[in-house]
Amino acid sequence: MLTYVNIGAAESKNAMAKKGQHVVPAIRGGWAVRRTGSARASKTFPTQDAAIAYARDKARQEHGELYIHRADGTIRDRNSYGNDPHPPKG
């Protein structure tokens, strides 16, 4: 079952989220990379690994966030490639 993922609402208050890249299930199968707040995919891929590699490069270039979603739409992993809003302590 394909679930539509709303990627703009929760993160829109976060300054880093403007540059966020989301790896989400694509509507016609495979995986898509979408910018936070965008309704359309930047690019689609047959595998999640290929989509993650592309999104990671984009997030690094833009010093933004990478959100990797599961097939059900929930966030499975998140990485920051810029000014981390919540850096680890120590």
Foldseek 3Di string as FASTA:
>chain_A
DADDAQQADPCVVPPLLQQEWEWAADPVAAIFIDRHPDPDGPDGDNYSVVRQVVRVVSQLVVQHKYFYADRHRHTDDMDGNHPDPDDDDD
